[in-house]
PDB file of N, CA and C in Angstrom:
ATOM      1  N   UNK A   1       0.815  -1.199   0.000  1.00  0.00           N
ATOM      2  CA  UNK A   1       0.000   0.000   0.000  1.00  0.00           C
ATOM      3  C   UNK A   1       0.858   1.262   0.000  1.00  0.00           C
ATOM      4  N   UNK A   2       1.901   1.297   0.801  1.00  0.00           N
ATOM      5  CA  UNK A   2       2.712   2.504   0.891  1.00  0.00           C
ATOM      6  C   UNK A   2       3.473   2.773  -0.411  1.00  0.00           C
ATOM      7  N   UNK A   3       3.873   1.721  -1.117  1.00  0.00           N
ATOM      8  CA  UNK A   3       4.536   1.915  -2.406  1.00  0.00           C
ATOM      9  C   UNK A   3       3.535   2.484  -3.409  1.00  0.00           C
ATOM     10  N   UNK A   4       2.268   2.106  -3.283  1.00  0.00           N
ATOM     11  CA  UNK A   4       1.236   2.663  -4.165  1.00  0.00           C
ATOM     12  C   UNK A   4       1.072   4.163  -3.926  1.00  0.00           C
ATOM     13  N   UNK A   5       1.139   4.575  -2.673  1.00  0.00           N
ATOM     14  CA  UNK A   5       1.065   6.004  -2.349  1.00  0.00           C
ATOM     15  C   UNK A   5       2.269   6.718  -2.955  1.00  0.00           C
ATOM     16  N   UNK A   6       3.446   6.118  -2.817  1.00  0.00           N
ATOM     17  CA  UNK A   6       4.646   6.714  -3.401  1.00  0.00           C
ATOM     18  C   UNK A   6       4.529   6.764  -4.922  1.00  0.00           C
ATOM     19  N   UNK A   7       3.975   5.725  -5.548  1.00  0.00           N
ATOM     20  CA  UNK A   7       3.751   5.732  -6.995  1.00  0.00           C
ATOM     21  C   UNK A   7       2.890   6.921  -7.408  1.00  0.00           C
ATOM     22  N   UNK A   8       1.845   7.154  -6.664  1.00  0.00           N
ATOM     23  CA  UNK A   8       0.939   8.268  -6.977  1.00  0.00           C
ATOM     24  C   UNK A   8       1.672   9.612  -6.837  1.00  0.00           C
ATOM     25  N   UNK A   9       2.469   9.728  -5.797  1.00  0.00           N
ATOM     26  CA  UNK A   9       3.238  10.958  -5.581  1.00  0.00           C
ATOM     27  C   UNK A   9       4.212  11.180  -6.740  1.00  0.00           C
ATOM     28  N   UNK A  10       4.900  10.123  -7.139  1.00  0.00           N
ATOM     29  CA  UNK A  10       5.854  10.241  -8.241  1.00  0.00           C
ATOM     30  C   UNK A  10       5.149  10.603  -9.547  1.00  0.00           C
ATOM     31  N   UNK A  11       3.974  10.042  -9.773  1.00  0.00           N
ATOM     32  CA  UNK A  11       3.198  10.416 -10.964  1.00  0.00           C
ATOM     33  C   UNK A  11       2.792  11.886 -10.901  1.00  0.00           C
ATOM     34  N   UNK A  12       2.388  12.336  -9.726  1.00  0.00           N
ATOM     35  CA  UNK A  12       1.980  13.738  -9.563  1.00  0.00           C
ATOM     36  C   UNK A  12       3.103  14.710  -9.925  1.00  0.00           C
ATOM     37  N   UNK A  13       4.329  14.343  -9.593  1.00  0.00           N
ATOM     38  CA  UNK A  13       5.452  15.237  -9.894  1.00  0.00           C
ATOM     39  C   UNK A  13       6.216  14.785 -11.148  1.00  0.00           C
ATOM     40  N   UNK A  14       5.611  13.853 -11.883  1.00  0.00           N
ATOM     41  CA  UNK A  14       6.118  13.384 -13.174  1.00  0.00           C
ATOM     42  C   UNK A  14       7.541  12.846 -13.110  1.00  0.00           C
ATOM     43  N   UNK A  15       7.750  11.906 -12.189  1.00  0.00           N
ATOM     44  CA  UNK A  15       9.043  11.247 -12.039  1.00  0.00           C
ATOM     45  C   UNK A  15       8.825   9.744 -12.150  1.00  0.00           C
ATOM     46  N   UNK A  16       9.722   9.097 -12.876  1.00  0.00           N
ATOM     47  CA  UNK A  16       9.637   7.654 -13.058  1.00  0.00           C
ATOM     48  C   UNK A  16      10.892   6.994 -12.478  1.00  0.00           C
ATOM     49  N   UNK A  17      10.678   5.992 -11.628  1.00  0.00           N
ATOM     50  CA  UNK A  17      11.786   5.250 -11.023  1.00  0.00           C
ATOM     51  C   UNK A  17      11.515   3.758 -11.170  1.00  0.00           C
ATOM     52  N   UNK A  18      12.579   2.959 -11.164  1.00  0.00           N
ATOM     53  CA  UNK A  18      12.363   1.515 -11.180  1.00  0.00           C
ATOM     54  C   UNK A  18      11.981   1.051  -9.769  1.00  0.00           C
ATOM     55  N   UNK A  19      11.581  -0.193  -9.655  1.00  0.00           N
ATOM     56  CA  UNK A  19      11.054  -0.713  -8.379  1.00  0.00           C
ATOM     57  C   UNK A  19      12.079  -0.641  -7.248  1.00  0.00           C
ATOM     58  N   UNK A  20      13.331  -0.951  -7.536  1.00  0.00           N
ATOM     59  CA  UNK A  20      14.357  -0.888  -6.486  1.00  0.00           C
ATOM     60  C   UNK A  20      14.566   0.537  -5.999  1.00  0.00           C
ATOM     61  N   UNK A  21      14.585   1.480  -6.917  1.00  0.00           N
ATOM     62  CA  UNK A  21      14.743   2.881  -6.532  1.00  0.00           C
ATOM     63  C   UNK A  21      13.538   3.364  -5.714  1.00  0.00           C
ATOM     64  N   UNK A  22      12.343   2.914  -6.093  1.00  0.00           N
ATOM     65  CA  UNK A  22      11.145   3.294  -5.338  1.00  0.00           C
ATOM     66  C   UNK A  22      11.224   2.794  -3.899  1.00  0.00           C
ATOM     67  N   UNK A  23      11.642   1.539  -3.737  1.00  0.00           N
ATOM     68  CA  UNK A  23      11.761   0.983  -2.379  1.00  0.00           C
ATOM     69  C   UNK A  23      12.797   1.750  -1.570  1.00  0.00           C
ATOM     70  N   UNK A  24      13.929   2.028  -2.206  1.00  0.00           N
ATOM     71  CA  UNK A  24      14.996   2.768  -1.519  1.00  0.00           C
ATOM     72  C   UNK A  24      14.521   4.178  -1.152  1.00  0.00           C
ATOM     73  N   UNK A  25      13.861   4.843  -2.083  1.00  0.00           N
ATOM     74  CA  UNK A  25      13.345   6.183  -1.825  1.00  0.00           C
ATOM     75  C   UNK A  25      12.306   6.159  -0.717  1.00  0.00           C
ATOM     76  N   UNK A  26      11.420   5.168  -0.731  1.00  0.00           N
ATOM     77  CA  UNK A  26      10.390   5.080   0.306  1.00  0.00           C
ATOM     78  C   UNK A  26      11.018   4.966   1.692  1.00  0.00           C
ATOM     79  N   UNK A  27      12.029   4.121   1.810  1.00  0.00           N
ATOM     80  CA  UNK A  27      12.707   3.939   3.102  1.00  0.00           C
ATOM     81  C   UNK A  27      13.352   5.256   3.545  1.00  0.00           C
ATOM     82  N   UNK A  28      14.000   5.942   2.623  1.00  0.00           N
ATOM     83  CA  UNK A  28      14.627   7.226   2.958  1.00  0.00           C
ATOM     84  C   UNK A  28      13.588   8.268   3.356  1.00  0.00           C
ATOM     85  N   UNK A  29      12.458   8.325   2.631  1.00  0.00           N
ATOM     86  CA  UNK A  29      11.379   9.251   2.998  1.00  0.00           C
ATOM     87  C   UNK A  29      10.835   8.936   4.387  1.00  0.00           C
ATOM     88  N   UNK A  30      10.623   7.652   4.644  1.00  0.00           N
ATOM     89  CA  UNK A  30      10.071   7.235   5.937  1.00  0.00           C
ATOM     90  C   UNK A  30      11.004   7.615   7.084  1.00  0.00           C
ATOM     91  N   UNK A  31      12.302   7.468   6.866  1.00  0.00           N
ATOM     92  CA  UNK A  31      13.266   7.867   7.897  1.00  0.00           C
ATOM     93  C   UNK A  31      13.285   9.382   8.078  1.00  0.00           C
ATOM     94  N   UNK A  32      13.376  10.094   6.961  1.00  0.00           N
ATOM     95  CA  UNK A  32      13.507  11.549   7.015  1.00  0.00           C
ATOM     96  C   UNK A  32      12.281  12.215   7.637  1.00  0.00           C
ATOM     97  N   UNK A  33      11.094  11.742   7.281  1.00  0.00           N
ATOM     98  CA  UNK A  33       9.861  12.344   7.795  1.00  0.00           C
ATOM     99  C   UNK A  33       9.316  11.607   9.016  1.00  0.00           C
ATOM    100  N   UNK A  34      10.104  10.705   9.569  1.00  0.00           N
ATOM    101  CA  UNK A  34       9.834  10.018  10.846  1.00  0.00           C
ATOM    102  C   UNK A  34       8.498   9.297  10.912  1.00  0.00           C
ATOM    103  N   UNK A  35       8.155   8.570   9.848  1.00  0.00           N
ATOM    104  CA  UNK A  35       6.943   7.768   9.933  1.00  0.00           C
ATOM    105  C   UNK A  35       7.216   6.283   9.716  1.00  0.00           C
ATOM    106  N   UNK A  36       8.491   5.903   9.672  1.00  0.00           N
ATOM    107  CA  UNK A  36       8.836   4.502   9.501  1.00  0.00           C
ATOM    108  C   UNK A  36       8.402   3.713  10.731  1.00  0.00           C
ATOM    109  N   UNK A  37       7.681   2.649  10.488  1.00  0.00           N
ATOM    110  CA  UNK A  37       7.216   1.798  11.580  1.00  0.00           C
ATOM    111  C   UNK A  37       6.103   2.388  12.420  1.00  0.00           C
ATOM    112  N   UNK A  38       5.594   3.538  12.040  1.00  0.00           N
ATOM    113  CA  UNK A  38       4.533   4.164  12.830  1.00  0.00           C
ATOM    114  C   UNK A  38       3.189   3.506  12.546  1.00  0.00           C
ATOM    115  N   UNK A  39       2.251   3.775  13.402  1.00  0.00           N
ATOM    116  CA  UNK A  39       0.892   3.293  13.227  1.00  0.00           C
ATOM    117  C   UNK A  39       0.321   3.910  11.953  1.00  0.00           C
ATOM    118  N   UNK A  40      -0.269   3.104  11.125  1.00  0.00           N
ATOM    119  CA  UNK A  40      -0.829   3.548   9.837  1.00  0.00           C
ATOM    120  C   UNK A  40       0.237   4.229   8.980  1.00  0.00           C
ATOM    121  N   UNK A  41       1.350   3.542   8.823  1.00  0.00           N
ATOM    122  CA  UNK A  41       2.503   4.100   8.107  1.00  0.00           C
ATOM    123  C   UNK A  41       2.143   4.569   6.694  1.00  0.00           C
ATOM    124  N   UNK A  42       1.423   3.743   5.932  1.00  0.00           N
ATOM    125  CA  UNK A  42       1.119   4.137   4.552  1.00  0.00           C
ATOM    126  C   UNK A  42       0.136   5.305   4.498  1.00  0.00           C
ATOM    127  N   UNK A  43      -0.812   5.341   5.431  1.00  0.00           N
ATOM    128  CA  UNK A  43      -1.735   6.472   5.470  1.00  0.00           C
ATOM    129  C   UNK A  43      -1.007   7.754   5.863  1.00  0.00           C
ATOM    130  N   UNK A  44       0.032   7.617   6.649  1.00  0.00           N
ATOM    131  CA  UNK A  44       0.784   8.791   7.102  1.00  0.00           C
ATOM    132  C   UNK A  44       1.447   9.508   5.932  1.00  0.00           C
ATOM    133  N   UNK A  45       2.037   8.753   5.006  1.00  0.00           N
ATOM    134  CA  UNK A  45       2.648   9.373   3.836  1.00  0.00           C
ATOM    135  C   UNK A  45       1.584  10.101   3.021  1.00  0.00           C
ATOM    136  N   UNK A  46       0.433   9.503   2.870  1.00  0.00           N
ATOM    137  CA  UNK A  46      -0.662  10.139   2.144  1.00  0.00           C
ATOM    138  C   UNK A  46      -1.120  11.420   2.848  1.00  0.00           C
ATOM    139  N   UNK A  47      -1.220  11.381   4.173  1.00  0.00           N
ATOM    140  CA  UNK A  47      -1.605  12.573   4.944  1.00  0.00           C
ATOM    141  C   UNK A  47      -0.573  13.688   4.772  1.00  0.00           C
ATOM    142  N   UNK A  48       0.697  13.328   4.831  1.00  0.00           N
ATOM    143  CA  UNK A  48       1.748  14.327   4.661  1.00  0.00           C
ATOM    144  C   UNK A  48       1.687  14.939   3.264  1.00  0.00           C
ATOM    145  N   UNK A  49       1.434  14.110   2.260  1.00  0.00           N
ATOM    146  CA  UNK A  49       1.376  14.603   0.882  1.00  0.00           C
ATOM    147  C   UNK A  49       0.204  15.565   0.690  1.00  0.00           C
ATOM    148  N   UNK A  50      -0.870  15.378   1.417  1.00  0.00           N
ATOM    149  CA  UNK A  50      -2.038  16.248   1.294  1.00  0.00           C
ATOM    150  C   UNK A  50      -1.906  17.559   2.069  1.00  0.00           C
ATOM    151  N   UNK A  51      -0.889  17.663   2.901  1.00  0.00           N
ATOM    152  CA  UNK A  51      -0.614  18.906   3.630  1.00  0.00           C
ATOM    153  C   UNK A  51       0.298  19.772   2.747  1.00  0.00           C
ATOM    154  N   UNK A  52      -0.109  20.999   2.414  1.00  0.00           N
ATOM    155  CA  UNK A  52       0.677  21.824   1.479  1.00  0.00           C
ATOM    156  C   UNK A  52       2.131  22.046   1.884  1.00  0.00           C
ATOM    157  N   UNK A  53       2.391  22.200   3.158  1.00  0.00           N
ATOM    158  CA  UNK A  53       3.768  22.429   3.611  1.00  0.00           C
ATOM    159  C   UNK A  53       4.605  21.175   3.435  1.00  0.00           C
ATOM    160  N   UNK A  54       4.080  20.047   3.886  1.00  0.00           N
ATOM    161  CA  UNK A  54       4.808  18.790   3.740  1.00  0.00           C
ATOM    162  C   UNK A  54       4.903  18.372   2.279  1.00  0.00           C
ATOM    163  N   UNK A  55       3.895  18.693   1.488  1.00  0.00           N
ATOM    164  CA  UNK A  55       3.911  18.347   0.062  1.00  0.00           C
ATOM    165  C   UNK A  55       5.145  18.958  -0.597  1.00  0.00           C
ATOM    166  N   UNK A  56       5.383  20.218  -0.336  1.00  0.00           N
ATOM    167  CA  UNK A  56       6.555  20.904  -0.899  1.00  0.00           C
ATOM    168  C   UNK A  56       7.850  20.276  -0.383  1.00  0.00           C
ATOM    169  N   UNK A  57       7.882  19.960   0.901  1.00  0.00           N
ATOM    170  CA  UNK A  57       9.081  19.351   1.495  1.00  0.00           C
ATOM    171  C   UNK A  57       9.341  17.963   0.898  1.00  0.00           C
ATOM    172  N   UNK A  58       8.287  17.180   0.707  1.00  0.00           N
ATOM    173  CA  UNK A  58       8.435  15.841   0.123  1.00  0.00           C
ATOM    174  C   UNK A  58       8.919  15.951  -1.313  1.00  0.00           C
ATOM    175  N   UNK A  59       8.324  16.849  -2.077  1.00  0.00           N
ATOM    176  CA  UNK A  59       8.728  17.038  -3.467  1.00  0.00           C
ATOM    177  C   UNK A  59      10.195  17.469  -3.551  1.00  0.00           C
ATOM    178  N   UNK A  60      10.592  18.412  -2.723  1.00  0.00           N
ATOM    179  CA  UNK A  60      11.986  18.867  -2.704  1.00  0.00           C
ATOM    180  C   UNK A  60      12.933  17.741  -2.306  1.00  0.00           C
ATOM    181  N   UNK A  61      12.531  16.949  -1.320  1.00  0.00           N
ATOM    182  CA  UNK A  61      13.362  15.831  -0.874  1.00  0.00           C
ATOM    183  C   UNK A  61      13.548  14.819  -2.000  1.00  0.00           C
ATOM    184  N   UNK A  62      12.467  14.479  -2.684  1.00  0.00           N
ATOM    185  CA  UNK A  62      12.544  13.501  -3.775  1.00  0.00           C
ATOM    186  C   UNK A  62      13.468  14.005  -4.878  1.00  0.00           C
ATOM    187  N   UNK A  63      13.328  15.259  -5.260  1.00  0.00           N
ATOM    188  CA  UNK A  63      14.177  15.819  -6.317  1.00  0.00           C
ATOM    189  C   UNK A  63      15.645  15.859  -5.891  1.00  0.00           C
ATOM    190  N   UNK A  64      15.904  16.210  -4.650  1.00  0.00           N
ATOM    191  CA  UNK A  64      17.284  16.230  -4.145  1.00  0.00           C
ATOM    192  C   UNK A  64      17.851  14.813  -4.092  1.00  0.00           C
ATOM    193  N   UNK A  65      17.043  13.845  -3.694  1.00  0.00           N
ATOM    194  CA  UNK A  65      17.474  12.450  -3.624  1.00  0.00           C
ATOM    195  C   UNK A  65      17.848  11.939  -5.012  1.00  0.00           C
ATOM    196  N   UNK A  66      17.023  12.260  -6.001  1.00  0.00           N
ATOM    197  CA  UNK A  66      17.303  11.832  -7.378  1.00  0.00           C
ATOM    198  C   UNK A  66      18.572  12.493  -7.897  1.00  0.00           C
ATOM    199  N   UNK A  67      18.744  13.774  -7.653  1.00  0.00           N
ATOM    200  CA  UNK A  67      19.967  14.461  -8.082  1.00  0.00           C
ATOM    201  C   UNK A  67      21.204  13.862  -7.438  1.00  0.00           C
ATOM    202  N   UNK A  68      21.119  13.539  -6.152  1.00  0.00           N
ATOM    203  CA  UNK A  68      22.229  12.910  -5.450  1.00  0.00           C
ATOM    204  C   UNK A  68      22.562  11.553  -6.084  1.00  0.00           C
ATOM    205  N   UNK A  69      21.542  10.771  -6.362  1.00  0.00           N
ATOM    206  CA  UNK A  69      21.748   9.449  -6.964  1.00  0.00           C
ATOM    207  C   UNK A  69      22.398   9.570  -8.340  1.00  0.00           C
ATOM    208  N   UNK A  70      21.961  10.527  -9.132  1.00  0.00           N
ATOM    209  CA  UNK A  70      22.540  10.718 -10.469  1.00  0.00           C
ATOM    210  C   UNK A  70      24.005  11.117 -10.376  1.00  0.00           C
ATOM    211  N   UNK A  71      24.321  12.045  -9.478  1.00  0.00           N
ATOM    212  CA  UNK A  71      25.713  12.469  -9.316  1.00  0.00           C
ATOM    213  C   UNK A  71      26.576  11.318  -8.824  1.00  0.00           C
ATOM    214  N   UNK A  72      26.055  10.542  -7.910  1.00  0.00           N
ATOM    215  CA  UNK A  72      26.797   9.394  -7.369  1.00  0.00           C
ATOM    216  C   UNK A  72      27.055   8.384  -8.491  1.00  0.00           C
ATOM    217  N   UNK A  73      26.055   8.149  -9.343  1.00  0.00           N
ATOM    218  CA  UNK A  73      26.186   7.207 -10.451  1.00  0.00           C
ATOM    219  C   UNK A  73      27.247   7.686 -11.425  1.00  0.00           C
ATOM    220  N   UNK A  74      27.299   8.979 -11.712  1.00  0.00           N
ATOM    221  CA  UNK A  74      28.278   9.532 -12.640  1.00  0.00           C
ATOM    222  C   UNK A  74      29.682   9.354 -12.082  1.00  0.00           C
ATOM    223  N   UNK A  75      29.871   9.619 -10.800  1.00  0.00           N
ATOM    224  CA  UNK A  75      31.189   9.469 -10.176  1.00  0.00           C
ATOM    225  C   UNK A  75      31.641   8.009 -10.215  1.00  0.00           C
ATOM    226  N   UNK A  76      30.732   7.094  -9.890  1.00  0.00           N
ATOM    227  CA  UNK A  76      31.090   5.678  -9.898  1.00  0.00           C
ATOM    228  C   UNK A  76      31.430   5.229 -11.313  1.00  0.00           C
ATOM    229  N   UNK A  77      30.669   5.660 -12.299  1.00  0.00           N
ATOM    230  CA  UNK A  77      30.943   5.289 -13.694  1.00  0.00           C
ATOM    231  C   UNK A  77      32.254   5.892 -14.172  1.00  0.00           C
ATOM    232  N   UNK A  78      32.642   7.048 -13.674  1.00  0.00           N
ATOM    233  CA  UNK A  78      33.882   7.679 -14.080  1.00  0.00           C
ATOM    234  C   UNK A  78      35.087   6.872 -13.635  1.00  0.00           C
ATOM    235  N   UNK A  79      34.970   6.189 -12.506  1.00  0.00           N
ATOM    236  CA  UNK A  79      36.062   5.385 -11.994  1.00  0.00           C
ATOM    237  C   UNK A  79      36.023   3.947 -12.477  1.00  0.00           C
ATOM    238  N   UNK A  80      35.009   3.554 -13.199  1.00  0.00           N
ATOM    239  CA  UNK A  80      34.891   2.162 -13.670  1.00  0.00           C
ATOM    240  C   UNK A  80      35.695   1.928 -14.914  1.00  0.00           C
TER     241      UNK A  80
END
């Protein structure tokens, strides 16, 4: 269920990730926004996304996470 919420969020901001990246991103979001292991964990992400302040923070976090991953991939490929 929580991955479905993340899928919807990614569609809303027009970002496409593979399944492994989605799982990794979900775990990072859950840690950063402190809802990992909480009661109604998947509903919590949906509630945060519907709050305008958290929506902006989640969107910014996702974009920063993707940029970090891309830069990390480029550095690793440069040394390969």
